[in-house]
């Protein structure tokens, strides 16, 4: 049966307009993005099949171009469209955060960082650069490493913070393994960088580690930040 033959309240697009996007399932949201199905499959059927192949929506959204384009009903045009949607989402979120009164709440910072780091296949280390009111100046990704390690140089960290006239920073990196629990080397790195930044009167508020599936770890919340 074609989607056109469905009851109006069951059609993904009409359902979204009437009730809101939050009421749609992953497959219904993906069907709206796909717009059309393929021979023998409606857009919703195709969406459900794709989610089955990739495992979940998260895996589909983070797939590289080759993986994405090999799937039935997808291709380079859809991949480009998806990347544009994801980038608009990231920019929208960043723009909203820059208007907040403070960026010192770990949950707010983690939400933003998940948009930036959660889907990366290699470990990346960066800084959230903040002004005197702890409002976001920018996120600066400084180092990219391997699957489980990024070499971090304190000189570059301090130089970047001074370049943007930051009054405070939040250290951040991702764990591609998915588990955001800090290692002993993460804790030692935090202590070392905090001391280096303190010498130039820049506060280190937190070190937030991003995992996957919404998992993150705030070292400040777990009393793991140096005094």
Protein backbone atom coordinates (compact mmCIF):
# COMPACT_ATOMS: atom_id res chain seq x y z
CA UNK A 1 0.00 0.00 0.00
CA UNK A 2 1.30 3.46 -0.93
CA UNK A 3 1.74 6.07 1.81
CA UNK A 4 -0.84 8.13 -0.08
CA UNK A 5 -3.42 5.49 0.82
CA UNK A 6 -2.65 5.72 4.54
CA UNK A 7 -4.88 7.62 6.93
CA UNK A 8 -3.75 11.25 7.08
CA UNK A 9 -2.76 10.97 10.76
CA UNK A 10 -0.45 8.06 9.91
CA UNK A 11 1.48 9.75 7.12
CA UNK A 12 4.86 10.94 8.48
CA UNK A 13 4.78 14.42 6.96
CA UNK A 14 1.20 15.17 7.97
CA UNK A 15 1.81 13.64 11.40
CA UNK A 16 4.80 15.92 11.92
CA UNK A 17 2.87 19.03 10.91
CA UNK A 18 -0.08 18.15 13.15
CA UNK A 19 1.64 16.81 16.26
CA UNK A 20 5.32 17.86 16.02
CA UNK A 21 8.54 16.07 15.10
CA UNK A 22 8.99 14.63 18.60
CA UNK A 23 5.99 12.34 18.04
CA UNK A 24 7.60 10.58 15.07
CA UNK A 25 9.64 7.39 15.24
CA UNK A 26 13.16 7.19 13.83
CA UNK A 27 11.86 5.46 10.71
CA UNK A 28 9.20 8.12 10.16
CA UNK A 29 11.72 10.96 10.49
CA UNK A 30 14.08 9.18 8.11
CA UNK A 31 11.21 8.60 5.65
CA UNK A 32 10.55 12.34 5.48
CA UNK A 33 14.24 12.89 4.72
CA UNK A 34 14.18 10.19 2.01
CA UNK A 35 10.95 11.62 0.53
CA UNK A 36 10.39 8.59 -1.73
CA UNK A 37 10.93 4.88 -1.50
CA UNK A 38 12.16 2.41 -4.10
CA UNK A 39 10.37 -0.19 -6.16
CA UNK A 40 8.39 -2.42 -3.84
CA UNK A 41 9.12 -0.31 -0.74
CA UNK A 42 7.48 2.84 0.54
CA UNK A 43 9.66 5.53 2.06
CA UNK A 44 8.78 4.25 5.55
CA UNK A 45 9.55 0.65 4.58
CA UNK A 46 12.87 1.73 3.10
CA UNK A 47 13.66 3.74 6.23
CA UNK A 48 12.96 0.72 8.45
CA UNK A 49 15.17 -1.46 6.23
CA UNK A 50 18.02 1.07 6.38
CA UNK A 51 17.79 1.33 10.16
CA UNK A 52 17.98 -2.44 10.31
CA UNK A 53 21.07 -2.51 8.11
CA UNK A 54 22.90 0.22 10.04
CA UNK A 55 21.65 -0.90 13.45
CA UNK A 56 20.16 2.44 14.48
CA UNK A 57 19.75 6.05 13.42
CA UNK A 58 22.99 7.10 15.12
CA UNK A 59 25.06 4.69 13.03
CA UNK A 60 23.36 5.79 9.83
CA UNK A 61 23.99 9.48 10.53
CA UNK A 62 27.69 8.94 11.32
CA UNK A 63 28.35 6.63 8.34
CA UNK A 64 31.03 7.80 5.93
CA UNK A 65 30.21 8.53 2.31
CA UNK A 66 31.17 5.08 1.04
CA UNK A 67 29.09 3.22 3.62
CA UNK A 68 26.15 5.55 3.14
CA UNK A 69 26.08 5.44 -0.64
CA UNK A 70 26.29 1.64 -0.78
CA UNK A 71 22.91 1.31 0.94
CA UNK A 72 19.76 0.80 -1.13
CA UNK A 73 17.92 4.02 -1.93
CA UNK A 74 20.79 6.30 -0.95
CA UNK A 75 23.56 7.97 -2.93
CA UNK A 76 25.91 10.93 -3.11
CA UNK A 77 23.08 13.48 -3.43
CA UNK A 78 21.38 12.16 -0.29
CA UNK A 79 24.73 12.07 1.52
CA UNK A 80 25.39 15.72 0.66
CA UNK A 81 21.87 16.63 1.74
CA UNK A 82 22.31 14.82 5.06
CA UNK A 83 25.65 16.49 5.77
CA UNK A 84 24.08 19.89 5.09
CA UNK A 85 21.24 19.13 7.52
CA UNK A 86 23.66 17.98 10.23
CA UNK A 87 25.84 21.05 9.78
CA UNK A 88 22.83 23.37 9.99
CA UNK A 89 21.83 21.62 13.20
CA UNK A 90 25.31 22.09 14.67
CA UNK A 91 25.40 25.77 13.70
CA UNK A 92 21.90 26.38 15.06
CA UNK A 93 22.87 24.81 18.37
CA UNK A 94 26.12 26.78 18.56
CA UNK A 95 24.35 30.05 17.75
CA UNK A 96 21.83 29.45 20.54
CA UNK A 97 24.58 28.62 23.02
CA UNK A 98 26.48 31.81 22.27
CA UNK A 99 23.44 33.74 23.46
CA UNK A 100 23.24 32.00 26.83
CA UNK A 101 24.26 33.81 30.01
CA UNK A 102 26.76 31.15 31.07
CA UNK A 103 28.47 28.13 29.59
CA UNK A 104 29.74 26.72 32.85
CA UNK A 105 27.03 24.07 33.35
CA UNK A 106 28.49 20.64 32.41
CA UNK A 107 25.26 19.35 30.85
CA UNK A 108 24.96 22.33 28.51
CA UNK A 109 28.59 22.05 27.47
CA UNK A 110 28.24 18.29 26.95
CA UNK A 111 25.17 18.70 24.74
CA UNK A 112 27.09 21.05 22.49
CA UNK A 113 30.19 18.85 22.42
CA UNK A 114 28.18 15.77 21.51
CA UNK A 115 27.13 17.54 18.29
CA UNK A 116 30.79 18.20 17.52
CA UNK A 117 32.66 15.10 18.69
CA UNK A 118 30.38 12.10 19.21
CA UNK A 119 30.57 10.77 15.64
CA UNK A 120 34.32 11.08 15.07
CA UNK A 121 36.25 7.89 14.38
CA UNK A 122 39.52 9.19 15.84
CA UNK A 123 40.27 10.79 19.17
CA UNK A 124 40.22 14.59 18.97
CA UNK A 125 41.24 17.05 21.67
CA UNK A 126 40.00 20.61 21.88
CA UNK A 127 39.10 23.62 24.01
CA UNK A 128 35.88 25.42 24.71
CA UNK A 129 37.15 28.99 24.95
CA UNK A 130 35.08 31.18 27.29
CA UNK A 131 34.99 34.87 28.20
CA UNK A 132 34.79 36.40 31.68
CA UNK A 133 31.07 35.57 31.93
CA UNK A 134 31.79 31.99 30.79
CA UNK A 135 30.02 32.59 27.49
CA UNK A 136 31.27 30.67 24.49
CA UNK A 137 33.87 32.34 22.30
CA UNK A 138 34.46 29.28 20.15
CA UNK A 139 35.37 25.61 20.12
CA UNK A 140 38.90 25.00 18.92
CA UNK A 141 39.92 21.44 17.96
CA UNK A 142 43.69 21.32 18.36
CA UNK A 143 44.81 17.72 18.00
CA UNK A 144 43.62 14.62 16.15
CA UNK A 145 45.03 11.24 17.08
CA UNK A 146 44.38 7.55 16.67
CA UNK A 147 41.44 5.41 17.72
CA UNK A 148 42.38 5.73 21.39
CA UNK A 149 44.91 8.52 21.82
CA UNK A 150 45.66 12.08 20.75
CA UNK A 151 49.02 13.66 21.54
CA UNK A 152 48.42 16.99 23.28
CA UNK A 153 50.99 19.78 23.61
CA UNK A 154 50.51 22.27 26.44
CA UNK A 155 52.24 25.06 24.52
CA UNK A 156 49.59 24.97 21.77
CA UNK A 157 46.78 24.83 24.35
CA UNK A 158 48.07 27.94 26.14
CA UNK A 159 48.80 29.73 22.85
CA UNK A 160 45.26 29.14 21.58
CA UNK A 161 43.65 30.32 24.82
CA UNK A 162 45.73 33.52 24.73
CA UNK A 163 45.06 34.11 21.03
CA UNK A 164 41.30 34.25 21.65
CA UNK A 165 41.69 36.17 24.91
CA UNK A 166 39.90 33.45 26.86
CA UNK A 167 39.32 33.98 30.56
CA UNK A 168 38.47 30.32 31.13
CA UNK A 169 38.45 27.05 29.20
CA UNK A 170 36.80 23.66 29.25
CA UNK A 171 39.08 20.88 28.04
CA UNK A 172 37.41 18.22 25.92
CA UNK A 173 38.10 15.13 23.90
CA UNK A 174 36.18 12.15 22.60
CA UNK A 175 36.56 8.42 23.16
CA UNK A 176 35.74 6.63 19.88
CA UNK A 177 35.39 3.40 21.89
CA UNK A 178 32.18 4.89 23.28
CA UNK A 179 33.08 4.73 26.98
CA UNK A 180 33.66 8.27 28.31
CA UNK A 181 35.32 7.16 31.56
CA UNK A 182 38.64 9.04 31.94
CA UNK A 183 41.88 7.08 31.98
CA UNK A 184 44.67 7.83 34.41
CA UNK A 185 46.52 9.57 31.58
CA UNK A 186 43.42 11.77 31.00
CA UNK A 187 43.49 12.80 34.66
CA UNK A 188 47.23 13.52 34.55
CA UNK A 189 46.85 15.50 31.32
CA UNK A 190 44.12 17.59 32.93
CA UNK A 191 46.35 18.41 35.89
CA UNK A 192 49.27 19.31 33.62
CA UNK A 193 47.22 21.59 31.34
CA UNK A 194 45.42 23.23 34.25
CA UNK A 195 48.75 24.16 35.79
CA UNK A 196 50.07 25.55 32.48
CA UNK A 197 46.94 27.65 31.95
CA UNK A 198 46.97 28.87 35.54
CA UNK A 199 50.39 30.44 34.93
CA UNK A 200 48.77 32.80 32.41
CA UNK A 201 45.71 33.39 34.65
CA UNK A 202 43.27 31.27 32.65
CA UNK A 203 40.91 29.05 34.64
CA UNK A 204 40.23 25.43 33.68
CA UNK A 205 36.60 24.79 34.60
CA UNK A 206 36.21 21.19 33.49
CA UNK A 207 37.36 18.38 31.25
CA UNK A 208 34.43 16.81 29.44
CA UNK A 209 34.90 13.48 27.68
CA UNK A 210 32.39 12.51 24.99
CA UNK A 211 31.44 8.88 24.36
CA UNK A 212 28.60 7.63 22.18
CA UNK A 213 24.82 7.18 22.50
CA UNK A 214 24.58 10.34 24.59
CA UNK A 215 27.19 9.29 27.14
CA UNK A 216 29.62 11.85 28.54
CA UNK A 217 31.78 12.41 31.60
CA UNK A 218 32.43 15.68 33.43
CA UNK A 219 35.57 15.52 35.54
CA UNK A 220 34.36 18.56 37.51
CA UNK A 221 31.12 16.79 38.42
CA UNK A 222 33.13 13.77 39.62
CA UNK A 223 35.56 15.89 41.67
CA UNK A 224 38.47 14.87 39.43
CA UNK A 225 39.70 18.38 38.63
CA UNK A 226 42.96 19.51 40.24
CA UNK A 227 42.80 22.12 43.00
